[in-house]
Amino acid sequence: MTTTSGRKRAPRTSISDVARHAGVSLGTVSNVLNRPERVSPVTRDKVLAAIEELAFVPNGSARQLRAGTITTVGAVLLDIANPFFTEVARGIEDRLAEDDYTLMLASSDEDPTREARYLRLFEEHGVHGMLVTPAGPDVDHLLALRERGVEVVLLDRTSPSPDLSSVAVDDVAGAAMAVRHLIGLGHRRVGLINGPTTIKQCVDRRAGTVRALTEAGLDPDEAMIEVTVSSLNAEGGEAGATELLALGEPPTALFCVNDLTALGAMQALRAHGMTIGQDMAVVGYDDVNFASMLMTPLTSVRQPTRRLGHVAADLLLGRAGKDVGAQQVEFQPELVVRASSGPHR
């Protein structure tokens, strides 16, 4: 292998190199690593000295495979740059650490092809199980993983199959809660900055918006102006808000599918000289750590992020390799009201 500077990288030291350096057999080195009590102190010290001199690092994955004790869990999340998923991953790590498991983390970037590539990679590494936030509506490929002996738990997505465990939040209820809040402030035209319909959370948050408007006696076709953005980040939110502001009769409030899109929408409003919370109300979703620290603190639907990851990892460890039925856990969100959502003027 060659580094970017053009120099050849030294090959990784092998267990055979250690055995030759110490003048012992491969079996002796293996015993020092795995069953040191079987080796005399003199020989053990000789092998350990060779390991230190050669900077040998044992291949933990191979050792676990031989012993049949895999202690690595894979997680494929939609976007680990999103603070929501960062906090979810921390919850996963906290739970895995309790049982000395480690985490292999990947981001699908909302791309089913990229997701499939990571799932295949994790399966090839022989992980104990996988936590997945699907990038598309189909879960047949995840059911196929289970049939091949790899346990899967859906994360931040309600399971459409009785055979898959899942941990999620009631996004329909959360979105309805947000829009009821805006209606209660006198808003009758709500702009929904949403993502692709391939993402279940976007579908559910739209459904919650429609529910709240309908319950208030408003026609969603008139009271909801929806724009779909390709990326659930600040750039997408800025583009969505700019599109809504260009309408002849723009909405008086924005409900954004997550806090990152809300952040971008707020940037667009300021660029148009608008005062957030007065000229336009804004509500986000997730209540990530920066929501309360913005220039205008963001009203948002709070999800128990770390708890989501912790419980999902707990379900995975409890089910993997065992004859245990699937479980579907659903948390209820809460609305945190801040200065970004003011009354209609």
C-alpha atoms as a PDB file:
ATOM      1  CA  MET A   1       0.000   0.000   0.000  1.00  0.00           C
ATOM      2  CA  THR A   2       1.200   3.523  -0.832  1.00  0.00           C
ATOM      3  CA  THR A   3       0.419   6.630   1.214  1.00  0.00           C
ATOM      4  CA  THR A   4      -0.665   9.961  -0.309  1.00  0.00           C
ATOM      5  CA  SER A   5       2.926  11.171  -0.008  1.00  0.00           C
ATOM      6  CA  GLY A   6       4.078   8.326  -2.251  1.00  0.00           C
ATOM      7  CA  ARG A   7       5.866   6.363   0.469  1.00  0.00           C
ATOM      8  CA  LYS A   8       5.076   2.691   0.865  1.00  0.00           C
ATOM      9  CA  ARG A   9       3.348   1.869   4.123  1.00  0.00           C
ATOM     10  CA  ALA A  10       5.010  -0.844   6.176  1.00  0.00           C
ATOM     11  CA  PRO A  11       3.006  -4.092   6.211  1.00  0.00           C
ATOM     12  CA  ARG A  12       1.127  -4.902   9.404  1.00  0.00           C
ATOM     13  CA  THR A  13       3.077  -7.080  11.818  1.00  0.00           C
ATOM     14  CA  SER A  14       1.647 -10.605  11.909  1.00  0.00           C
ATOM     15  CA  ILE A  15       1.564 -13.231  14.620  1.00  0.00           C
ATOM     16  CA  SER A  16       4.110 -15.182  12.549  1.00  0.00           C
ATOM     17  CA  ASP A  17       6.510 -12.224  12.778  1.00  0.00           C
ATOM     18  CA  VAL A  18       6.144 -12.250  16.561  1.00  0.00           C
ATOM     19  CA  ALA A  19       6.784 -15.998  16.725  1.00  0.00           C
ATOM     20  CA  ARG A  20       9.951 -15.711  14.607  1.00  0.00           C
ATOM     21  CA  HIS A  21      11.233 -12.743  16.614  1.00  0.00           C
ATOM     22  CA  ALA A  22      10.664 -14.536  19.924  1.00  0.00           C
ATOM     23  CA  GLY A  23      11.930 -17.898  18.651  1.00  0.00           C
ATOM     24  CA  VAL A  24       8.742 -19.737  19.601  1.00  0.00           C
ATOM     25  CA  SER A  25       5.873 -21.461  17.790  1.00  0.00           C
ATOM     26  CA  LEU A  26       2.681 -19.813  16.544  1.00  0.00           C
ATOM     27  CA  GLY A  27       0.763 -21.823  19.136  1.00  0.00           C
ATOM     28  CA  THR A  28       2.862 -20.370  21.939  1.00  0.00           C
ATOM     29  CA  VAL A  29       2.151 -16.806  20.799  1.00  0.00           C
ATOM     30  CA  SER A  30      -1.550 -17.669  20.555  1.00  0.00           C
ATOM     31  CA  ASN A  31      -1.496 -19.038  24.095  1.00  0.00           C
ATOM     32  CA  VAL A  32       0.198 -15.895  25.402  1.00  0.00           C
ATOM     33  CA  LEU A  33      -2.561 -13.806  23.806  1.00  0.00           C
ATOM     34  CA  ASN A  34      -5.505 -15.988  24.773  1.00  0.00           C
ATOM     35  CA  ARG A  35      -4.458 -18.446  27.506  1.00  0.00           C
ATOM     36  CA  PRO A  36      -1.356 -16.961  29.198  1.00  0.00           C
ATOM     37  CA  GLU A  37      -1.660 -19.292  32.183  1.00  0.00           C
ATOM     38  CA  ARG A  38      -0.532 -22.161  29.900  1.00  0.00           C
ATOM     39  CA  VAL A  39       2.830 -20.512  29.177  1.00  0.00           C
ATOM     40  CA  SER A  40       5.829 -20.380  31.509  1.00  0.00           C
ATOM     41  CA  PRO A  41       6.694 -16.919  32.853  1.00  0.00           C
ATOM     42  CA  VAL A  42      10.063 -16.864  31.035  1.00  0.00           C
ATOM     43  CA  THR A  43       8.548 -17.711  27.643  1.00  0.00           C
ATOM     44  CA  ARG A  44       5.616 -15.398  28.226  1.00  0.00           C
ATOM     45  CA  ASP A  45       7.958 -12.474  28.948  1.00  0.00           C
ATOM     46  CA  LYS A  46       9.945 -13.263  25.793  1.00  0.00           C
ATOM     47  CA  VAL A  47       6.776 -13.187  23.636  1.00  0.00           C
ATOM     48  CA  LEU A  48       5.472 -10.012  25.268  1.00  0.00           C
ATOM     49  CA  ALA A  49       8.819  -8.316  24.629  1.00  0.00           C
ATOM     50  CA  ALA A  50       8.622  -9.297  20.954  1.00  0.00           C
ATOM     51  CA  ILE A  51       5.057  -7.952  20.752  1.00  0.00           C
ATOM     52  CA  GLU A  52       6.201  -4.623  22.174  1.00  0.00           C
ATOM     53  CA  GLU A  53       9.299  -4.359  19.952  1.00  0.00           C
ATOM     54  CA  LEU A  54       7.329  -5.123  16.787  1.00  0.00           C
ATOM     55  CA  ALA A  55       4.315  -2.992  17.831  1.00  0.00           C
ATOM     56  CA  PHE A  56       2.094  -5.988  17.138  1.00  0.00           C
ATOM     57  CA  VAL A  57      -1.678  -5.389  17.401  1.00  0.00           C
ATOM     58  CA  PRO A  58      -3.780  -8.585  17.668  1.00  0.00           C
ATOM     59  CA  ASN A  59      -6.609  -8.976  15.168  1.00  0.00           C
ATOM     60  CA  GLY A  60      -9.545  -8.792  17.550  1.00  0.00           C
ATOM     61  CA  SER A  61     -12.143  -9.591  14.873  1.00  0.00           C
ATOM     62  CA  ALA A  62     -10.413 -12.790  13.858  1.00  0.00           C
ATOM     63  CA  ARG A  63      -9.997 -13.861  17.475  1.00  0.00           C
ATOM     64  CA  GLN A  64     -13.678 -13.216  18.173  1.00  0.00           C
ATOM     65  CA  LEU A  65     -14.721 -15.212  15.108  1.00  0.00           C
ATOM     66  CA  ARG A  66     -12.606 -18.186  16.207  1.00  0.00           C
ATOM     67  CA  ALA A  67     -14.011 -17.998  19.715  1.00  0.00           C
ATOM     68  CA  GLY A  68     -17.584 -17.464  18.530  1.00  0.00           C
ATOM     69  CA  THR A  69     -17.917 -14.329  20.666  1.00  0.00           C
ATOM     70  CA  ILE A  70     -18.506 -11.386  18.334  1.00  0.00           C
ATOM     71  CA  THR A  71     -18.771  -8.178  20.364  1.00  0.00           C
ATOM     72  CA  THR A  72     -19.228  -5.627  17.591  1.00  0.00           C
ATOM     73  CA  VAL A  73     -22.554  -4.069  16.575  1.00  0.00           C
ATOM     74  CA  GLY A  74     -23.118  -2.195  13.318  1.00  0.00           C
ATOM     75  CA  ALA A  75     -25.362   0.863  12.977  1.00  0.00           C
ATOM     76  CA  VAL A  76     -26.416   2.504   9.713  1.00  0.00           C
ATOM     77  CA  LEU A  77     -28.088   5.867  10.358  1.00  0.00           C
ATOM     78  CA  LEU A  78     -29.482   8.386   7.882  1.00  0.00           C
ATOM     79  CA  ASP A  79     -27.003  11.188   8.518  1.00  0.00           C
ATOM     80  CA  ILE A  80     -24.460  11.175  11.333  1.00  0.00           C
ATOM     81  CA  ALA A  81     -23.699  14.851  10.611  1.00  0.00           C
ATOM     82  CA  ASN A  82     -27.188  15.600  11.953  1.00  0.00           C
ATOM     83  CA  PRO A  83     -26.939  16.299  15.725  1.00  0.00           C
ATOM     84  CA  PHE A  84     -30.070  14.179  16.245  1.00  0.00           C
ATOM     85  CA  PHE A  85     -28.309  11.056  14.991  1.00  0.00           C
ATOM     86  CA  THR A  86     -25.108  12.006  16.806  1.00  0.00           C
ATOM     87  CA  GLU A  87     -27.036  11.907  20.084  1.00  0.00           C
ATOM     88  CA  VAL A  88     -28.759   8.658  19.085  1.00  0.00           C
ATOM     89  CA  ALA A  89     -25.342   7.110  18.392  1.00  0.00           C
ATOM     90  CA  ARG A  90     -24.148   8.207  21.815  1.00  0.00           C
ATOM     91  CA  GLY A  91     -27.095   6.394  23.382  1.00  0.00           C
ATOM     92  CA  ILE A  92     -26.169   3.266  21.425  1.00  0.00           C
ATOM     93  CA  GLU A  93     -22.552   3.486  22.597  1.00  0.00           C
ATOM     94  CA  ASP A  94     -23.589   3.973  26.220  1.00  0.00           C
ATOM     95  CA  ARG A  95     -25.648   0.780  26.188  1.00  0.00           C
ATOM     96  CA  LEU A  96     -23.079  -1.290  24.278  1.00  0.00           C
ATOM     97  CA  ALA A  97     -20.327  -0.212  26.662  1.00  0.00           C
ATOM     98  CA  GLU A  98     -22.248  -1.720  29.576  1.00  0.00           C
ATOM     99  CA  ASP A  99     -21.591  -5.173  28.085  1.00  0.00           C
ATOM    100  CA  ASP A 100     -18.182  -4.368  26.544  1.00  0.00           C
ATOM    101  CA  TYR A 101     -19.505  -4.238  22.986  1.00  0.00           C
ATOM    102  CA  THR A 102     -18.140  -1.841  20.389  1.00  0.00           C
ATOM    103  CA  LEU A 103     -19.916   0.107  17.647  1.00  0.00           C
ATOM    104  CA  MET A 104     -19.251   0.279  13.915  1.00  0.00           C
ATOM    105  CA  LEU A 105     -21.087   3.392  12.707  1.00  0.00           C
ATOM    106  CA  ALA A 106     -21.984   4.445   9.165  1.00  0.00           C
ATOM    107  CA  SER A 107     -24.145   7.058   7.467  1.00  0.00           C
ATOM    108  CA  SER A 108     -26.352   6.163   4.502  1.00  0.00           C
ATOM    109  CA  ASP A 109     -26.849   9.845   3.621  1.00  0.00           C
ATOM    110  CA  GLU A 110     -30.482   8.902   2.906  1.00  0.00           C
ATOM    111  CA  ASP A 111     -29.257   6.744  -0.018  1.00  0.00           C
ATOM    112  CA  PRO A 112     -30.568   3.127  -0.193  1.00  0.00           C
ATOM    113  CA  THR A 113     -27.607   2.063  -2.364  1.00  0.00           C
ATOM    114  CA  ARG A 114     -25.106   3.402   0.140  1.00  0.00           C
ATOM    115  CA  GLU A 115     -27.089   1.757   2.941  1.00  0.00           C
ATOM    116  CA  ALA A 116     -26.935  -1.614   1.175  1.00  0.00           C
ATOM    117  CA  ARG A 117     -23.166  -1.294   0.789  1.00  0.00           C
ATOM    118  CA  TYR A 118     -22.667  -0.743   4.522  1.00  0.00           C
ATOM    119  CA  LEU A 119     -25.041  -3.535   5.453  1.00  0.00           C
ATOM    120  CA  ARG A 120     -23.047  -5.905   3.250  1.00  0.00           C
ATOM    121  CA  LEU A 121     -19.773  -4.697   4.762  1.00  0.00           C
ATOM    122  CA  PHE A 122     -21.020  -5.172   8.315  1.00  0.00           C
ATOM    123  CA  GLU A 123     -22.338  -8.626   7.498  1.00  0.00           C
ATOM    124  CA  GLU A 124     -18.963  -9.589   6.024  1.00  0.00           C
ATOM    125  CA  HIS A 125     -17.329  -8.436   9.253  1.00  0.00           C
ATOM    126  CA  GLY A 126     -19.599 -10.797  11.158  1.00  0.00           C
ATOM    127  CA  VAL A 127     -21.164  -8.233  13.483  1.00  0.00           C
ATOM    128  CA  HIS A 128     -23.303  -9.364  16.407  1.00  0.00           C
ATOM    129  CA  GLY A 129     -26.277  -7.499  14.942  1.00  0.00           C
ATOM    130  CA  MET A 130     -27.310  -4.252  13.257  1.00  0.00           C
ATOM    131  CA  LEU A 131     -29.283  -1.131  14.114  1.00  0.00           C
ATOM    132  CA  VAL A 132     -30.707   0.495  11.001  1.00  0.00           C
ATOM    133  CA  THR A 133     -32.629   3.640  10.141  1.00  0.00           C
ATOM    134  CA  PRO A 134     -33.814   2.623   6.648  1.00  0.00           C
ATOM    135  CA  ALA A 135     -33.241   5.091   3.828  1.00  0.00           C
ATOM    136  CA  GLY A 136     -36.259   3.737   1.933  1.00  0.00           C
ATOM    137  CA  PRO A 137     -39.693   2.322   2.705  1.00  0.00           C
ATOM    138  CA  ASP A 138     -38.790  -1.309   1.931  1.00  0.00           C
ATOM    139  CA  VAL A 139     -37.425  -3.580   4.686  1.00  0.00           C
ATOM    140  CA  ASP A 140     -37.285  -6.870   2.756  1.00  0.00           C
ATOM    141  CA  HIS A 141     -33.474  -6.661   2.633  1.00  0.00           C
ATOM    142  CA  LEU A 142     -33.415  -6.361   6.428  1.00  0.00           C
ATOM    143  CA  LEU A 143     -35.705  -9.367   6.830  1.00  0.00           C
ATOM    144  CA  ALA A 144     -33.314 -11.263   4.529  1.00  0.00           C
ATOM    145  CA  LEU A 145     -30.459 -10.374   6.896  1.00  0.00           C
ATOM    146  CA  ARG A 146     -32.395 -11.906   9.792  1.00  0.00           C
ATOM    147  CA  GLU A 147     -32.985 -15.070   7.772  1.00  0.00           C
ATOM    148  CA  ARG A 148     -29.204 -15.300   7.331  1.00  0.00           C
ATOM    149  CA  GLY A 149     -28.747 -15.105  11.097  1.00  0.00           C
ATOM    150  CA  VAL A 150     -27.986 -11.386  11.539  1.00  0.00           C
ATOM    151  CA  GLU A 151     -30.308  -9.739  14.059  1.00  0.00           C
ATOM    152  CA  VAL A 152     -31.691  -6.321  13.039  1.00  0.00           C
ATOM    153  CA  VAL A 153     -33.486  -3.627  15.029  1.00  0.00           C
ATOM    154  CA  LEU A 154     -35.076  -0.652  13.267  1.00  0.00           C
ATOM    155  CA  LEU A 155     -34.130   2.663  14.813  1.00  0.00           C
ATOM    156  CA  ASP A 156     -36.234   5.840  14.541  1.00  0.00           C
ATOM    157  CA  ARG A 157     -38.653   3.889  12.367  1.00  0.00           C
ATOM    158  CA  THR A 158     -41.736   1.887  13.326  1.00  0.00           C
ATOM    159  CA  SER A 159     -41.480  -1.666  12.051  1.00  0.00           C
ATOM    160  CA  PRO A 160     -43.858  -2.654   9.241  1.00  0.00           C
ATOM    161  CA  SER A 161     -43.084  -6.322   9.974  1.00  0.00           C
ATOM    162  CA  PRO A 162     -43.944  -8.335  13.104  1.00  0.00           C
ATOM    163  CA  ASP A 163     -40.551 -10.046  12.752  1.00  0.00           C
ATOM    164  CA  LEU A 164     -38.466  -6.886  13.155  1.00  0.00           C
ATOM    165  CA  SER A 165     -38.024  -5.104  16.466  1.00  0.00           C
ATOM    166  CA  SER A 166     -38.137  -1.325  16.340  1.00  0.00           C
ATOM    167  CA  VAL A 167     -37.666   1.751  18.493  1.00  0.00           C
ATOM    168  CA  ALA A 168     -39.281   4.963  17.296  1.00  0.00           C
ATOM    169  CA  VAL A 169     -41.175   8.093  18.222  1.00  0.00           C
ATOM    170  CA  ASP A 170     -44.802   8.752  17.259  1.00  0.00           C
ATOM    171  CA  ASP A 171     -44.033  11.263  14.514  1.00  0.00           C
ATOM    172  CA  VAL A 172     -47.683  11.700  13.518  1.00  0.00           C
ATOM    173  CA  ALA A 173     -48.503  12.818  17.055  1.00  0.00           C
ATOM    174  CA  GLY A 174     -45.402  15.009  17.223  1.00  0.00           C
ATOM    175  CA  ALA A 175     -46.181  16.862  14.006  1.00  0.00           C
ATOM    176  CA  ALA A 176     -49.832  17.291  14.987  1.00  0.00           C
ATOM    177  CA  MET A 177     -48.670  18.776  18.281  1.00  0.00           C
ATOM    178  CA  ALA A 178     -46.456  21.298  16.470  1.00  0.00           C
ATOM    179  CA  VAL A 179     -49.150  22.398  14.035  1.00  0.00           C
ATOM    180  CA  ARG A 180     -51.839  22.627  16.742  1.00  0.00           C
ATOM    181  CA  HIS A 181     -49.498  25.035  18.500  1.00  0.00           C
ATOM    182  CA  LEU A 182     -49.272  27.207  15.374  1.00  0.00           C
ATOM    183  CA  ILE A 183     -53.043  27.101  14.854  1.00  0.00           C
ATOM    184  CA  GLY A 184     -53.523  28.133  18.479  1.00  0.00           C
ATOM    185  CA  LEU A 185     -51.368  31.189  17.758  1.00  0.00           C
ATOM    186  CA  GLY A 186     -53.759  32.223  14.998  1.00  0.00           C
ATOM    187  CA  HIS A 187     -51.858  30.911  11.961  1.00  0.00           C
ATOM    188  CA  ARG A 188     -54.060  29.610   9.146  1.00  0.00           C
ATOM    189  CA  ARG A 189     -51.466  29.161   6.375  1.00  0.00           C
ATOM    190  CA  VAL A 190     -48.646  26.836   7.366  1.00  0.00           C
ATOM    191  CA  GLY A 191     -45.640  26.138   5.170  1.00  0.00           C
ATOM    192  CA  LEU A 192     -44.396  22.562   5.535  1.00  0.00           C
ATOM    193  CA  ILE A 193     -40.742  22.118   4.585  1.00  0.00           C
ATOM    194  CA  ASN A 194     -40.595  18.370   4.122  1.00  0.00           C
ATOM    195  CA  GLY A 195     -38.279  15.695   2.742  1.00  0.00           C
ATOM    196  CA  PRO A 196     -38.708  12.819   0.269  1.00  0.00           C
ATOM    197  CA  THR A 197     -41.660  10.439   0.657  1.00  0.00           C
ATOM    198  CA  THR A 198     -39.189   7.543   0.652  1.00  0.00           C
ATOM    199  CA  ILE A 199     -38.340   8.519   4.243  1.00  0.00           C
ATOM    200  CA  LYS A 200     -41.020   7.296   6.634  1.00  0.00           C
ATOM    201  CA  GLN A 201     -40.476  10.094   9.125  1.00  0.00           C
ATOM    202  CA  CYS A 202     -41.314  12.659   6.432  1.00  0.00           C
ATOM    203  CA  VAL A 203     -44.498  10.792   5.525  1.00  0.00           C
ATOM    204  CA  ASP A 204     -45.582  10.599   9.159  1.00  0.00           C
ATOM    205  CA  ARG A 205     -44.855  14.257   9.897  1.00  0.00           C
ATOM    206  CA  ARG A 206     -46.905  15.282   6.887  1.00  0.00           C
ATOM    207  CA  ALA A 207     -49.754  13.072   8.127  1.00  0.00           C
ATOM    208  CA  GLY A 208     -49.599  14.761  11.530  1.00  0.00           C
ATOM    209  CA  THR A 209     -49.758  18.176   9.880  1.00  0.00           C
ATOM    210  CA  VAL A 210     -52.837  17.180   7.903  1.00  0.00           C
ATOM    211  CA  ARG A 211     -54.444  15.730  11.033  1.00  0.00           C
ATOM    212  CA  ALA A 212     -54.024  18.936  13.045  1.00  0.00           C
ATOM    213  CA  LEU A 213     -55.367  21.140  10.255  1.00  0.00           C
ATOM    214  CA  THR A 214     -58.355  18.865   9.679  1.00  0.00           C
ATOM    215  CA  GLU A 215     -59.179  18.719  13.389  1.00  0.00           C
ATOM    216  CA  ALA A 216     -59.181  22.537  13.428  1.00  0.00           C
ATOM    217  CA  GLY A 217     -61.719  22.625  10.594  1.00  0.00           C
ATOM    218  CA  LEU A 218     -59.181  23.834   8.023  1.00  0.00           C
ATOM    219  CA  ASP A 219     -58.811  22.433   4.519  1.00  0.00           C
ATOM    220  CA  PRO A 220     -55.227  21.050   4.249  1.00  0.00           C
ATOM    221  CA  ASP A 221     -55.244  21.758   0.500  1.00  0.00           C
ATOM    222  CA  GLU A 222     -55.572  25.450   1.301  1.00  0.00           C
ATOM    223  CA  ALA A 223     -54.001  25.780   4.756  1.00  0.00           C
ATOM    224  CA  MET A 224     -50.854  23.695   4.081  1.00  0.00           C
ATOM    225  CA  ILE A 225     -48.287  24.775   1.497  1.00  0.00           C
ATOM    226  CA  GLU A 226     -45.756  21.959   1.201  1.00  0.00           C
ATOM    227  CA  VAL A 227     -42.330  22.104  -0.390  1.00  0.00           C
ATOM    228  CA  THR A 228     -40.150  19.021  -0.681  1.00  0.00           C
ATOM    229  CA  VAL A 229     -36.395  19.393  -0.334  1.00  0.00           C
ATOM    230  CA  SER A 230     -33.898  16.775  -1.445  1.00  0.00           C
ATOM    231  CA  SER A 231     -31.671  17.028   1.641  1.00  0.00           C
ATOM    232  CA  LEU A 232     -32.770  17.259   5.261  1.00  0.00           C
ATOM    233  CA  ASN A 233     -30.119  19.808   6.200  1.00  0.00           C
ATOM    234  CA  ALA A 234     -29.695  23.573   6.502  1.00  0.00           C
ATOM    235  CA  GLU A 235     -29.194  23.991   2.760  1.00  0.00           C
ATOM    236  CA  GLY A 236     -32.466  22.190   2.096  1.00  0.00           C
ATOM    237  CA  GLY A 237     -34.298  24.281   4.674  1.00  0.00           C
ATOM    238  CA  GLU A 238     -32.951  27.523   3.226  1.00  0.00           C
ATOM    239  CA  ALA A 239     -34.029  26.509  -0.274  1.00  0.00           C
ATOM    240  CA  GLY A 240     -37.486  25.470   0.961  1.00  0.00           C
ATOM    241  CA  ALA A 241     -38.093  28.713   2.844  1.00  0.00           C
ATOM    242  CA  THR A 242     -36.890  30.786  -0.113  1.00  0.00           C
ATOM    243  CA  GLU A 243     -39.384  28.985  -2.355  1.00  0.00           C
ATOM    244  CA  LEU A 244     -42.242  29.658   0.071  1.00  0.00           C
ATOM    245  CA  LEU A 245     -41.330  33.318   0.468  1.00  0.00           C
ATOM    246  CA  ALA A 246     -41.478  33.765  -3.318  1.00  0.00           C
ATOM    247  CA  LEU A 247     -45.196  32.903  -3.366  1.00  0.00           C
ATOM    248  CA  GLY A 248     -47.729  35.646  -3.949  1.00  0.00           C
ATOM    249  CA  GLU A 249     -49.316  34.782  -0.616  1.00  0.00           C
ATOM    250  CA  PRO A 250     -46.664  33.119   1.534  1.00  0.00           C
ATOM    251  CA  PRO A 251     -47.546  31.269   4.744  1.00  0.00           C
ATOM    252  CA  THR A 252     -47.355  33.006   8.109  1.00  0.00           C
ATOM    253  CA  ALA A 253     -45.706  30.042   9.836  1.00  0.00           C
ATOM    254  CA  LEU A 254     -43.224  27.317   8.911  1.00  0.00           C
ATOM    255  CA  PHE A 255     -43.177  23.766  10.231  1.00  0.00           C
ATOM    256  CA  CYS A 256     -39.856  22.161   9.314  1.00  0.00           C
ATOM    257  CA  VAL A 257     -39.339  18.408   9.146  1.00  0.00           C
ATOM    258  CA  ASN A 258     -36.285  18.630  11.410  1.00  0.00           C
ATOM    259  CA  ASP A 259     -34.180  21.203  13.232  1.00  0.00           C
ATOM    260  CA  LEU A 260     -31.485  21.378  10.572  1.00  0.00           C
ATOM    261  CA  THR A 261     -34.023  22.414   7.933  1.00  0.00           C
ATOM    262  CA  ALA A 262     -35.453  24.887  10.461  1.00  0.00           C
ATOM    263  CA  LEU A 263     -31.987  26.377  10.894  1.00  0.00           C
ATOM    264  CA  GLY A 264     -31.697  26.889   7.129  1.00  0.00           C
ATOM    265  CA  ALA A 265     -35.202  28.340   6.955  1.00  0.00           C
ATOM    266  CA  MET A 266     -34.327  30.852   9.666  1.00  0.00           C
ATOM    267  CA  GLN A 267     -31.253  31.900   7.692  1.00  0.00           C
ATOM    268  CA  ALA A 268     -33.458  32.531   4.650  1.00  0.00           C
ATOM    269  CA  LEU A 269     -35.934  34.582   6.697  1.00  0.00           C
ATOM    270  CA  ARG A 270     -33.168  36.782   8.068  1.00  0.00           C
ATOM    271  CA  ALA A 271     -31.759  37.239   4.559  1.00  0.00           C
ATOM    272  CA  HIS A 272     -35.186  38.587   3.567  1.00  0.00           C
ATOM    273  CA  GLY A 273     -35.136  41.048   6.478  1.00  0.00           C
ATOM    274  CA  MET A 274     -37.780  39.194   8.476  1.00  0.00           C
ATOM    275  CA  THR A 275     -37.936  38.916  12.256  1.00  0.00           C
ATOM    276  CA  ILE A 276     -38.395  35.299  13.319  1.00  0.00           C
ATOM    277  CA  GLY A 277     -41.266  34.831  15.721  1.00  0.00           C
ATOM    278  CA  GLN A 278     -42.888  38.097  14.626  1.00  0.00           C
ATOM    279  CA  ASP A 279     -42.950  38.242  10.827  1.00  0.00           C
ATOM    280  CA  MET A 280     -42.862  34.442  10.558  1.00  0.00           C
ATOM    281  CA  ALA A 281     -43.264  31.698  13.147  1.00  0.00           C
ATOM    282  CA  VAL A 282     -40.935  28.693  12.870  1.00  0.00           C
ATOM    283  CA  VAL A 283     -41.194  25.265  14.478  1.00  0.00           C
ATOM    284  CA  GLY A 284     -38.635  22.485  14.071  1.00  0.00           C
ATOM    285  CA  TYR A 285     -38.491  18.813  14.994  1.00  0.00           C
ATOM    286  CA  ASP A 286     -35.981  16.875  17.161  1.00  0.00           C
ATOM    287  CA  ASP A 287     -34.972  19.589  19.681  1.00  0.00           C
ATOM    288  CA  VAL A 288     -31.268  19.010  19.070  1.00  0.00           C
ATOM    289  CA  ASN A 289     -28.731  20.604  21.391  1.00  0.00           C
ATOM    290  CA  PHE A 290     -28.353  23.853  19.433  1.00  0.00           C
ATOM    291  CA  ALA A 291     -32.117  24.602  19.286  1.00  0.00           C
ATOM    292  CA  SER A 292     -32.169  26.538  22.550  1.00  0.00           C
ATOM    293  CA  MET A 293     -28.921  28.397  21.771  1.00  0.00           C
ATOM    294  CA  LEU A 294     -29.875  30.107  18.518  1.00  0.00           C
ATOM    295  CA  MET A 295     -30.184  33.896  18.239  1.00  0.00           C
ATOM    296  CA  THR A 296     -33.921  33.267  18.270  1.00  0.00           C
ATOM    297  CA  PRO A 297     -34.380  30.054  20.311  1.00  0.00           C
ATOM    298  CA  LEU A 298     -36.233  27.455  18.259  1.00  0.00           C
ATOM    299  CA  THR A 299     -39.584  25.941  19.194  1.00  0.00           C
ATOM    300  CA  SER A 300     -39.206  22.235  18.471  1.00  0.00           C
ATOM    301  CA  VAL A 301     -40.712  18.800  18.993  1.00  0.00           C
ATOM    302  CA  ARG A 302     -38.425  17.007  21.418  1.00  0.00           C
ATOM    303  CA  GLN A 303     -37.442  13.390  20.869  1.00  0.00           C
ATOM    304  CA  PRO A 304     -35.649  11.325  23.543  1.00  0.00           C
ATOM    305  CA  THR A 305     -32.566  10.943  21.349  1.00  0.00           C
ATOM    306  CA  ARG A 306     -30.139   9.120  23.637  1.00  0.00           C
ATOM    307  CA  ARG A 307     -32.960   7.001  25.002  1.00  0.00           C
ATOM    308  CA  LEU A 308     -33.834   5.902  21.462  1.00  0.00           C
ATOM    309  CA  GLY A 309     -30.305   4.634  20.865  1.00  0.00           C
ATOM    310  CA  HIS A 310     -29.982   3.062  24.308  1.00  0.00           C
ATOM    311  CA  VAL A 311     -33.242   1.102  24.072  1.00  0.00           C
ATOM    312  CA  ALA A 312     -32.561  -0.008  20.478  1.00  0.00           C
ATOM    313  CA  ALA A 313     -29.150  -1.386  21.474  1.00  0.00           C
ATOM    314  CA  ASP A 314     -30.704  -3.076  24.491  1.00  0.00           C
ATOM    315  CA  LEU A 315     -33.302  -4.798  22.303  1.00  0.00           C
ATOM    316  CA  LEU A 316     -30.605  -5.953  19.901  1.00  0.00           C
ATOM    317  CA  LEU A 317     -28.392  -7.435  22.603  1.00  0.00           C
ATOM    318  CA  GLY A 318     -31.399  -9.125  24.186  1.00  0.00           C
ATOM    319  CA  ARG A 319     -32.615 -10.710  20.973  1.00  0.00           C
ATOM    320  CA  ALA A 320     -29.505 -11.573  18.957  1.00  0.00           C
ATOM    321  CA  GLY A 321     -28.924 -15.319  18.843  1.00  0.00           C
ATOM    322  CA  LYS A 322     -31.938 -16.010  21.051  1.00  0.00           C
ATOM    323  CA  ASP A 323     -35.455 -17.234  20.458  1.00  0.00           C
ATOM    324  CA  VAL A 324     -37.095 -13.985  21.576  1.00  0.00           C
ATOM    325  CA  GLY A 325     -40.078 -12.354  19.893  1.00  0.00           C
ATOM    326  CA  ALA A 326     -39.842  -8.984  18.208  1.00  0.00           C
ATOM    327  CA  GLN A 327     -40.762  -5.871  20.185  1.00  0.00           C
ATOM    328  CA  GLN A 328     -41.990  -2.494  18.958  1.00  0.00           C
ATOM    329  CA  VAL A 329     -41.224   0.398  21.292  1.00  0.00           C
ATOM    330  CA  GLU A 330     -42.770   3.795  20.574  1.00  0.00           C
ATOM    331  CA  PHE A 331     -42.015   6.925  22.571  1.00  0.00           C
ATOM    332  CA  GLN A 332     -44.254   9.976  22.765  1.00  0.00           C
ATOM    333  CA  PRO A 333     -42.673  13.335  21.844  1.00  0.00           C
ATOM    334  CA  GLU A 334     -43.188  16.675  23.576  1.00  0.00           C
ATOM    335  CA  LEU A 335     -43.335  20.233  22.293  1.00  0.00           C
ATOM    336  CA  VAL A 336     -40.796  22.709  23.652  1.00  0.00           C
ATOM    337  CA  VAL A 337     -42.037  26.261  23.028  1.00  0.00           C
ATOM    338  CA  ARG A 338     -39.475  29.033  22.551  1.00  0.00           C
ATOM    339  CA  ALA A 339     -39.294  32.469  20.938  1.00  0.00           C
ATOM    340  CA  SER A 340     -39.319  31.343  17.273  1.00  0.00           C
ATOM    341  CA  SER A 341     -43.074  30.708  17.269  1.00  0.00           C
ATOM    342  CA  GLY A 342     -45.009  33.901  17.890  1.00  0.00           C
ATOM    343  CA  PRO A 343     -48.689  34.735  17.210  1.00  0.00           C
ATOM    344  CA  HIS A 344     -50.041  35.704  13.809  1.00  0.00           C
ATOM    345  CA  ARG A 345     -50.001  39.478  13.445  1.00  0.00           C
END
